[in-house]
Amino acid sequence: MSEIQNSKRYDLEDRTLEFSRHVREFVRKLSRTIANIEDGKQLIRSSGSIGANYIEANETLSKKDFLMRIKICRKEAKESCYWLRLVEINSETLKTEGNKLIQEATELTKIFGSMVEKSK
């Protein structure tokens, strides 16, 4: 693998890590309703799963396994977007932050979708 491709791979690893961190910070700020607690747990799981599966995809031995892991990344990014839309937000500041996270989850979905298409 060339040095440029290698650095791009790790940039996406860093990007997914940062997304997970921002999601965790966002969830800490949400009001403590039963719905937000449960939805927040799901959001944390799905956001963390994006990066974890991407790291696993980079370590796969076959193209088929790589493609499956990237599809899981795409699925988890879509799921993160869903949970972000579902949480109850009580302030404009959190609404703005939530919209930024939705935008990032959408961009990650598109990136992984593009990777799936290019791998075919």
N, C-alpha and C. Protein backbone atom coordinates (compact mmCIF):
# COMPACT_ATOMS: atom_id res chain seq x y z
N MET A 1 0.85 -1.18 0.00
CA MET A 1 0.00 0.00 0.00
C MET A 1 0.88 1.23 0.00
N SER A 2 0.52 2.22 -0.79
CA SER A 2 1.35 3.42 -0.86
C SER A 2 1.20 4.26 0.40
N GLU A 3 2.13 5.15 0.62
CA GLU A 3 2.13 5.98 1.81
C GLU A 3 0.91 6.90 1.84
N ILE A 4 0.48 7.39 0.69
CA ILE A 4 -0.69 8.28 0.63
C ILE A 4 -1.95 7.51 1.03
N GLN A 5 -2.14 6.32 0.49
CA GLN A 5 -3.32 5.52 0.86
C GLN A 5 -3.28 5.19 2.34
N ASN A 6 -2.11 4.88 2.86
CA ASN A 6 -1.96 4.54 4.26
C ASN A 6 -2.37 5.72 5.14
N SER A 7 -1.95 6.95 4.81
CA SER A 7 -2.29 8.12 5.63
C SER A 7 -3.78 8.42 5.54
N LYS A 8 -4.40 8.19 4.37
CA LYS A 8 -5.84 8.41 4.25
C LYS A 8 -6.60 7.44 5.15
N ARG A 9 -6.15 6.20 5.21
CA ARG A 9 -6.80 5.22 6.05
C ARG A 9 -6.81 5.70 7.50
N TYR A 10 -5.67 6.15 7.97
CA TYR A 10 -5.58 6.58 9.36
C TYR A 10 -6.32 7.89 9.59
N ASP A 11 -6.43 8.74 8.59
CA ASP A 11 -7.23 9.95 8.74
C ASP A 11 -8.68 9.58 9.02
N LEU A 12 -9.20 8.57 8.34
CA LEU A 12 -10.57 8.13 8.56
C LEU A 12 -10.70 7.45 9.93
N GLU A 13 -9.67 6.76 10.36
CA GLU A 13 -9.68 6.20 11.71
C GLU A 13 -9.78 7.32 12.73
N ASP A 14 -8.99 8.38 12.54
CA ASP A 14 -9.03 9.53 13.45
C ASP A 14 -10.39 10.22 13.40
N ARG A 15 -10.93 10.34 12.21
CA ARG A 15 -12.22 11.02 12.04
C ARG A 15 -13.33 10.25 12.75
N THR A 16 -13.33 8.93 12.64
CA THR A 16 -14.36 8.14 13.31
C THR A 16 -14.17 8.19 14.83
N LEU A 17 -12.92 8.23 15.28
CA LEU A 17 -12.65 8.35 16.71
C LEU A 17 -13.17 9.69 17.24
N GLU A 18 -12.88 10.76 16.52
CA GLU A 18 -13.35 12.08 16.93
C GLU A 18 -14.88 12.16 16.94
N PHE A 19 -15.51 11.54 15.96
CA PHE A 19 -16.97 11.50 15.93
C PHE A 19 -17.50 10.82 17.19
N SER A 20 -16.92 9.69 17.56
CA SER A 20 -17.34 8.98 18.76
C SER A 20 -17.14 9.83 20.01
N ARG A 21 -16.03 10.52 20.08
CA ARG A 21 -15.78 11.40 21.24
C ARG A 21 -16.80 12.52 21.32
N HIS A 22 -17.09 13.15 20.18
CA HIS A 22 -18.06 14.24 20.17
C HIS A 22 -19.46 13.74 20.54
N VAL A 23 -19.79 12.55 20.10
CA VAL A 23 -21.09 11.97 20.45
C VAL A 23 -21.16 11.77 21.97
N ARG A 24 -20.10 11.27 22.57
CA ARG A 24 -20.11 11.05 24.01
C ARG A 24 -20.25 12.36 24.78
N GLU A 25 -19.57 13.40 24.32
CA GLU A 25 -19.70 14.72 24.95
C GLU A 25 -21.14 15.23 24.81
N PHE A 26 -21.72 15.03 23.65
CA PHE A 26 -23.10 15.45 23.39
C PHE A 26 -24.08 14.72 24.31
N VAL A 27 -23.92 13.41 24.44
CA VAL A 27 -24.83 12.61 25.27
C VAL A 27 -24.75 13.06 26.73
N ARG A 28 -23.56 13.41 27.20
CA ARG A 28 -23.41 13.88 28.58
C ARG A 28 -24.23 15.14 28.85
N LYS A 29 -24.45 15.95 27.82
CA LYS A 29 -25.17 17.22 27.97
C LYS A 29 -26.69 17.08 27.88
N LEU A 30 -27.18 15.93 27.42
CA LEU A 30 -28.62 15.75 27.26
C LEU A 30 -29.33 15.69 28.61
N SER A 31 -30.60 16.10 28.61
CA SER A 31 -31.39 15.99 29.84
C SER A 31 -31.57 14.51 30.18
N ARG A 32 -31.68 14.21 31.45
CA ARG A 32 -31.73 12.83 31.93
C ARG A 32 -33.16 12.29 31.96
N THR A 33 -33.77 12.18 30.80
CA THR A 33 -35.07 11.52 30.72
C THR A 33 -34.84 10.05 30.44
N ILE A 34 -35.83 9.24 30.71
CA ILE A 34 -35.70 7.80 30.45
C ILE A 34 -35.38 7.56 28.98
N ALA A 35 -36.09 8.28 28.10
CA ALA A 35 -35.88 8.11 26.66
C ALA A 35 -34.46 8.49 26.26
N ASN A 36 -33.97 9.62 26.75
CA ASN A 36 -32.62 10.06 26.39
C ASN A 36 -31.55 9.12 26.93
N ILE A 37 -31.78 8.56 28.10
CA ILE A 37 -30.79 7.63 28.65
C ILE A 37 -30.69 6.40 27.75
N GLU A 38 -31.83 5.83 27.39
CA GLU A 38 -31.83 4.64 26.54
C GLU A 38 -31.34 4.95 25.13
N ASP A 39 -31.83 6.04 24.55
CA ASP A 39 -31.39 6.42 23.20
C ASP A 39 -29.91 6.79 23.19
N GLY A 40 -29.45 7.43 24.26
CA GLY A 40 -28.04 7.79 24.38
C GLY A 40 -27.14 6.58 24.41
N LYS A 41 -27.58 5.54 25.12
CA LYS A 41 -26.80 4.29 25.15
C LYS A 41 -26.66 3.71 23.75
N GLN A 42 -27.76 3.68 23.02
CA GLN A 42 -27.72 3.16 21.65
C GLN A 42 -26.83 4.02 20.76
N LEU A 43 -26.92 5.33 20.92
CA LEU A 43 -26.11 6.26 20.13
C LEU A 43 -24.63 6.06 20.40
N ILE A 44 -24.27 5.90 21.66
CA ILE A 44 -22.87 5.68 22.01
C ILE A 44 -22.37 4.38 21.39
N ARG A 45 -23.18 3.32 21.47
CA ARG A 45 -22.77 2.04 20.89
C ARG A 45 -22.57 2.14 19.39
N SER A 46 -23.54 2.72 18.69
CA SER A 46 -23.44 2.77 17.22
C SER A 46 -22.31 3.68 16.77
N SER A 47 -22.11 4.80 17.44
CA SER A 47 -21.03 5.72 17.03
C SER A 47 -19.66 5.10 17.24
N GLY A 48 -19.48 4.37 18.33
CA GLY A 48 -18.21 3.71 18.60
C GLY A 48 -17.95 2.55 17.66
N SER A 49 -19.02 1.91 17.23
CA SER A 49 -18.91 0.76 16.34
C SER A 49 -18.38 1.14 14.96
N ILE A 50 -18.62 2.36 14.55
CA ILE A 50 -18.15 2.82 13.23
C ILE A 50 -16.64 2.69 13.15
N GLY A 51 -15.95 3.31 14.09
CA GLY A 51 -14.49 3.29 14.09
C GLY A 51 -13.91 1.92 14.36
N ALA A 52 -14.54 1.18 15.27
CA ALA A 52 -14.04 -0.16 15.59
C ALA A 52 -14.11 -1.07 14.36
N ASN A 53 -15.20 -1.00 13.63
CA ASN A 53 -15.33 -1.84 12.44
C ASN A 53 -14.41 -1.37 11.33
N TYR A 54 -14.16 -0.06 11.25
CA TYR A 54 -13.24 0.44 10.24
C TYR A 54 -11.82 -0.06 10.51
N ILE A 55 -11.42 -0.06 11.77
CA ILE A 55 -10.10 -0.59 12.13
C ILE A 55 -10.02 -2.07 11.76
N GLU A 56 -11.08 -2.82 12.05
CA GLU A 56 -11.10 -4.23 11.68
C GLU A 56 -11.05 -4.41 10.16
N ALA A 57 -11.72 -3.54 9.43
CA ALA A 57 -11.71 -3.63 7.97
C ALA A 57 -10.29 -3.46 7.43
N ASN A 58 -9.52 -2.59 8.05
CA ASN A 58 -8.15 -2.37 7.60
C ASN A 58 -7.23 -3.54 7.90
N GLU A 59 -7.66 -4.43 8.76
CA GLU A 59 -6.83 -5.58 9.14
C GLU A 59 -7.32 -6.88 8.50
N THR A 60 -8.31 -6.81 7.64
CA THR A 60 -8.87 -8.03 7.05
C THR A 60 -7.89 -8.68 6.08
N LEU A 61 -8.13 -9.97 5.86
CA LEU A 61 -7.27 -10.73 4.96
C LEU A 61 -7.90 -10.91 3.58
N SER A 62 -9.18 -10.67 3.46
CA SER A 62 -9.83 -10.87 2.17
C SER A 62 -10.67 -9.65 1.79
N LYS A 63 -10.89 -9.49 0.51
CA LYS A 63 -11.70 -8.40 0.01
C LYS A 63 -13.14 -8.54 0.49
N LYS A 64 -13.61 -9.78 0.56
CA LYS A 64 -14.99 -10.05 0.99
C LYS A 64 -15.18 -9.60 2.44
N ASP A 65 -14.23 -9.92 3.31
CA ASP A 65 -14.31 -9.51 4.71
C ASP A 65 -14.22 -7.99 4.83
N PHE A 66 -13.32 -7.37 4.05
CA PHE A 66 -13.19 -5.92 4.05
C PHE A 66 -14.53 -5.28 3.69
N LEU A 67 -15.15 -5.76 2.63
CA LEU A 67 -16.41 -5.21 2.16
C LEU A 67 -17.50 -5.36 3.22
N MET A 68 -17.54 -6.50 3.89
CA MET A 68 -18.54 -6.71 4.94
C MET A 68 -18.35 -5.71 6.08
N ARG A 69 -17.10 -5.50 6.49
CA ARG A 69 -16.83 -4.56 7.59
C ARG A 69 -17.18 -3.13 7.21
N ILE A 70 -16.89 -2.75 5.97
CA ILE A 70 -17.21 -1.40 5.52
C ILE A 70 -18.74 -1.22 5.47
N LYS A 71 -19.45 -2.26 5.06
CA LYS A 71 -20.91 -2.19 5.07
C LYS A 71 -21.45 -2.03 6.49
N ILE A 72 -20.79 -2.68 7.44
CA ILE A 72 -21.19 -2.52 8.84
C ILE A 72 -20.92 -1.08 9.29
N CYS A 73 -19.80 -0.51 8.88
CA CYS A 73 -19.50 0.89 9.20
C CYS A 73 -20.60 1.79 8.68
N ARG A 74 -21.00 1.57 7.43
CA ARG A 74 -22.06 2.37 6.82
C ARG A 74 -23.36 2.21 7.60
N LYS A 75 -23.69 0.99 7.96
CA LYS A 75 -24.92 0.70 8.72
C LYS A 75 -24.89 1.40 10.08
N GLU A 76 -23.77 1.36 10.76
CA GLU A 76 -23.66 1.98 12.08
C GLU A 76 -23.71 3.51 11.99
N ALA A 77 -23.16 4.08 10.91
CA ALA A 77 -23.25 5.52 10.71
C ALA A 77 -24.70 5.94 10.49
N LYS A 78 -25.44 5.15 9.70
CA LYS A 78 -26.86 5.43 9.50
C LYS A 78 -27.62 5.32 10.81
N GLU A 79 -27.29 4.30 11.59
CA GLU A 79 -27.96 4.10 12.87
C GLU A 79 -27.65 5.25 13.83
N SER A 80 -26.43 5.74 13.83
CA SER A 80 -26.07 6.89 14.67
C SER A 80 -26.91 8.10 14.30
N CYS A 81 -27.09 8.29 13.02
CA CYS A 81 -27.91 9.40 12.53
C CYS A 81 -29.35 9.26 13.06
N TYR A 82 -29.86 8.05 13.02
CA TYR A 82 -31.21 7.77 13.52
C TYR A 82 -31.34 8.14 15.00
N TRP A 83 -30.39 7.66 15.82
CA TRP A 83 -30.46 7.94 17.26
C TRP A 83 -30.28 9.42 17.54
N LEU A 84 -29.44 10.10 16.76
CA LEU A 84 -29.27 11.54 16.94
C LEU A 84 -30.57 12.29 16.66
N ARG A 85 -31.32 11.83 15.67
CA ARG A 85 -32.60 12.47 15.36
C ARG A 85 -33.65 12.17 16.42
N LEU A 86 -33.49 11.06 17.12
CA LEU A 86 -34.50 10.61 18.07
C LEU A 86 -34.36 11.25 19.45
N VAL A 87 -33.16 11.60 19.88
CA VAL A 87 -32.99 12.14 21.23
C VAL A 87 -33.75 13.45 21.39
N GLU A 88 -34.21 13.67 22.62
CA GLU A 88 -34.95 14.88 22.94
C GLU A 88 -33.96 15.99 23.29
N ILE A 89 -34.03 17.08 22.54
CA ILE A 89 -33.10 18.19 22.74
C ILE A 89 -33.90 19.40 23.25
N ASN A 90 -33.42 19.95 24.37
CA ASN A 90 -34.17 21.02 25.02
C ASN A 90 -33.56 22.41 24.85
N SER A 91 -32.46 22.54 24.14
CA SER A 91 -31.86 23.87 23.97
C SER A 91 -31.36 24.05 22.55
N GLU A 92 -31.27 25.29 22.13
CA GLU A 92 -30.78 25.61 20.78
C GLU A 92 -29.32 25.20 20.62
N THR A 93 -28.53 25.38 21.68
CA THR A 93 -27.12 25.01 21.62
C THR A 93 -26.97 23.53 21.32
N LEU A 94 -27.73 22.71 22.03
CA LEU A 94 -27.67 21.27 21.79
C LEU A 94 -28.23 20.91 20.42
N LYS A 95 -29.23 21.64 19.98
CA LYS A 95 -29.81 21.38 18.66
C LYS A 95 -28.76 21.63 17.57
N THR A 96 -28.01 22.72 17.70
CA THR A 96 -26.94 23.02 16.75
C THR A 96 -25.86 21.95 16.78
N GLU A 97 -25.47 21.55 17.97
CA GLU A 97 -24.45 20.51 18.12
C GLU A 97 -24.96 19.18 17.54
N GLY A 98 -26.21 18.86 17.81
CA GLY A 98 -26.81 17.63 17.29
C GLY A 98 -26.86 17.64 15.77
N ASN A 99 -27.20 18.79 15.18
CA ASN A 99 -27.24 18.89 13.72
C ASN A 99 -25.86 18.70 13.10
N LYS A 100 -24.82 19.20 13.76
CA LYS A 100 -23.45 18.99 13.28
C LYS A 100 -23.08 17.51 13.32
N LEU A 101 -23.50 16.84 14.37
CA LEU A 101 -23.23 15.40 14.48
C LEU A 101 -24.01 14.61 13.43
N ILE A 102 -25.23 15.02 13.18
CA ILE A 102 -26.02 14.37 12.12
C ILE A 102 -25.34 14.56 10.78
N GLN A 103 -24.82 15.76 10.53
CA GLN A 103 -24.12 16.03 9.29
C GLN A 103 -22.88 15.14 9.16
N GLU A 104 -22.13 14.99 10.24
CA GLU A 104 -20.93 14.14 10.21
C GLU A 104 -21.31 12.68 10.00
N ALA A 105 -22.36 12.22 10.67
CA ALA A 105 -22.81 10.83 10.48
C ALA A 105 -23.24 10.60 9.04
N THR A 106 -23.90 11.58 8.46
CA THR A 106 -24.32 11.49 7.05
C THR A 106 -23.12 11.43 6.13
N GLU A 107 -22.12 12.27 6.40
CA GLU A 107 -20.90 12.26 5.58
C GLU A 107 -20.17 10.93 5.70
N LEU A 108 -20.10 10.38 6.90
CA LEU A 108 -19.46 9.07 7.08
C LEU A 108 -20.23 7.99 6.33
N THR A 109 -21.56 8.07 6.36
CA THR A 109 -22.38 7.12 5.61
C THR A 109 -22.04 7.18 4.13
N LYS A 110 -21.91 8.39 3.61
CA LYS A 110 -21.58 8.56 2.19
C LYS A 110 -20.17 8.06 1.87
N ILE A 111 -19.23 8.31 2.75
CA ILE A 111 -17.85 7.85 2.53
C ILE A 111 -17.82 6.33 2.47
N PHE A 112 -18.46 5.68 3.45
CA PHE A 112 -18.45 4.22 3.47
C PHE A 112 -19.26 3.65 2.31
N GLY A 113 -20.32 4.32 1.92
CA GLY A 113 -21.09 3.90 0.76
C GLY A 113 -20.26 3.96 -0.51
N SER A 114 -19.47 5.01 -0.63
CA SER A 114 -18.58 5.15 -1.78
C SER A 114 -17.52 4.05 -1.79
N MET A 115 -17.02 3.71 -0.61
CA MET A 115 -16.03 2.63 -0.53
C MET A 115 -16.63 1.30 -0.96
N VAL A 116 -17.88 1.07 -0.59
CA VAL A 116 -18.56 -0.16 -0.99
C VAL A 116 -18.69 -0.21 -2.50
N GLU A 117 -19.10 0.90 -3.09
CA GLU A 117 -19.28 0.95 -4.55
C GLU A 117 -17.95 0.74 -5.29
N LYS A 118 -16.89 1.35 -4.78
CA LYS A 118 -15.59 1.22 -5.43
C LYS A 118 -14.99 -0.17 -5.25
N SER A 119 -15.41 -0.89 -4.22
CA SER A 119 -14.87 -2.23 -3.96
C SER A 119 -15.52 -3.30 -4.82
N LYS A 120 -16.62 -2.97 -5.46
CA LYS A 120 -17.33 -3.98 -6.26
C LYS A 120 -16.63 -4.27 -7.55
